[in-house]
Every structure is written in C-alpha cells, then in structure tokens.
Protein backbone atom coordinates (compact mmCIF):
# COMPACT_ATOMS: atom_id res chain seq x y z
CA UNK A 1 -14.71 9.18 -15.58
CA UNK A 2 -11.60 9.78 -14.59
CA UNK A 3 -9.29 9.31 -11.30
CA UNK A 4 -7.97 12.05 -8.70
CA UNK A 5 -4.12 10.83 -9.64
CA UNK A 6 -2.77 12.60 -6.01
CA UNK A 7 -6.13 11.42 -4.65
CA UNK A 8 -5.80 7.41 -5.55
CA UNK A 9 -1.98 7.42 -5.27
CA UNK A 10 -2.53 9.11 -1.11
CA UNK A 11 -5.45 6.59 0.11
CA UNK A 12 -3.83 4.38 -1.48
CA UNK A 13 -0.06 4.20 -0.02
CA UNK A 14 -2.16 5.19 3.36
CA UNK A 15 -4.50 1.28 3.67
CA UNK A 16 -1.42 -1.01 2.05
CA UNK A 17 1.07 0.96 5.09
CA UNK A 18 -1.64 0.70 7.87
CA UNK A 19 -2.38 -3.27 6.66
CA UNK A 20 1.57 -4.28 7.33
CA UNK A 21 1.69 -1.93 10.28
CA UNK A 22 -1.42 -3.58 11.37
CA UNK A 23 -0.32 -7.06 9.91
CA UNK A 24 2.90 -7.08 11.89
CA UNK A 25 0.71 -6.20 15.49
CA UNK A 26 -1.60 -9.80 14.70
CA UNK A 27 1.33 -11.45 14.24
CA UNK A 28 3.18 -10.29 17.27
CA UNK A 29 -0.36 -10.57 19.39
CA UNK A 30 -0.58 -13.54 19.09
CA UNK A 31 2.20 -14.77 19.50
CA UNK A 32 3.40 -15.87 16.04
CA UNK A 33 6.13 -14.04 15.58
CA UNK A 34 9.25 -15.07 14.69
CA UNK A 35 12.88 -14.79 13.53
CA UNK A 36 12.86 -16.85 10.64
CA UNK A 37 12.64 -14.21 7.71
CA UNK A 38 8.79 -13.94 5.58
CA UNK A 39 8.31 -12.89 1.95
CA UNK A 40 7.38 -10.06 2.52
CA UNK A 41 10.78 -9.49 4.33
CA UNK A 42 12.73 -10.62 1.56
CA UNK A 43 10.42 -7.40 -0.82
CA UNK A 44 10.61 -5.11 2.40
CA UNK A 45 14.26 -4.73 3.21
CA UNK A 46 13.86 -4.22 7.10
CA UNK A 47 10.72 -5.94 7.80
CA UNK A 48 9.45 -8.43 10.27
CA UNK A 49 7.45 -9.24 12.63
CA UNK A 50 8.47 -7.43 15.69
CA UNK A 51 7.30 -3.48 16.84
CA UNK A 52 10.44 -1.97 14.67
CA UNK A 53 9.38 -3.59 12.02
CA UNK A 54 5.83 -2.90 11.80
CA UNK A 55 6.92 0.68 11.68
CA UNK A 56 9.18 0.12 9.33
CA UNK A 57 6.71 -2.38 7.04
CA UNK A 58 4.24 1.12 7.74
CA UNK A 59 6.83 3.35 6.09
CA UNK A 60 7.65 0.14 2.61
CA UNK A 61 3.70 0.10 2.70
CA UNK A 62 3.04 3.94 2.06
CA UNK A 63 5.77 3.88 -0.39
CA UNK A 64 4.80 1.03 -2.34
CA UNK A 65 1.31 1.33 -2.44
CA UNK A 66 1.61 5.12 -2.39
CA UNK A 67 3.81 4.86 -6.39
CA UNK A 68 0.95 1.23 -7.38
CA UNK A 69 -1.77 4.00 -7.11
CA UNK A 70 -0.26 6.52 -9.53
CA UNK A 71 0.14 4.22 -11.84
CA UNK A 72 -2.59 2.26 -11.78
CA UNK A 73 -5.04 6.18 -11.84
CA UNK A 74 -2.63 7.08 -14.14
CA UNK A 75 -2.33 4.50 -16.74
CA UNK A 76 -6.18 3.78 -15.58
CA UNK A 77 -6.53 7.68 -17.12
CA UNK A 78 -4.79 7.22 -20.13
CA UNK A 79 -6.33 4.13 -21.51
CA UNK A 80 -10.08 4.90 -20.19
CA UNK A 81 -11.84 6.65 -22.86
CA UNK A 82 -13.17 10.59 -22.54
CA UNK A 83 -16.67 10.36 -21.73
CA UNK A 84 -18.68 13.61 -22.25
CA UNK A 85 -22.00 14.73 -20.21
CA UNK A 86 -24.27 15.59 -22.83
CA UNK A 87 -26.69 18.35 -20.27
CA UNK A 88 -30.20 17.81 -20.81
C-alpha cells in the first residue's frame, strides 16, 4: 500500500493547524491564558493564547503539519515494499 503524499500532507496540516487554533480558544475560554511564554510559543514564533496568537498558531500548525505529513508519507513510500495485487 502506498500513501498519496499530497493528500496526507494536506490532511496533516489541516488537522494540526486546527488543533492549535482550537487549543488556543479552549485556553482563552477557560481563563488559563496569561502573558508568560509557553513551550509552543517557543517553537512557533508569535504563538500565544490570544485571538491573534490562535491565527498565528493555525498558520504555523498548518505549515508544520504539512511538512511532517509530507515527509512521513514520502519516507513510508520509499521504505515499504511494493506489494502487487494478484488477480483471482
């Protein structure tokens, strides 16, 4: 089985971007956000638990997830043996 590299990259980007976006709004809604730098804020420049930070997290998350999904699918396709389907 082979992965469609572009599809997995796009899906991974969307999922990780939306995860960061929703995480930010969850923290904002529960009152947990403060001005201190978070671990994610150190990795993704400009990310914070704020409305603007959630949009920045969405963009960073999409880019990071896209690249991660692309590399994963490409590497999997290179490493996995090609399986042929025999007709019955």
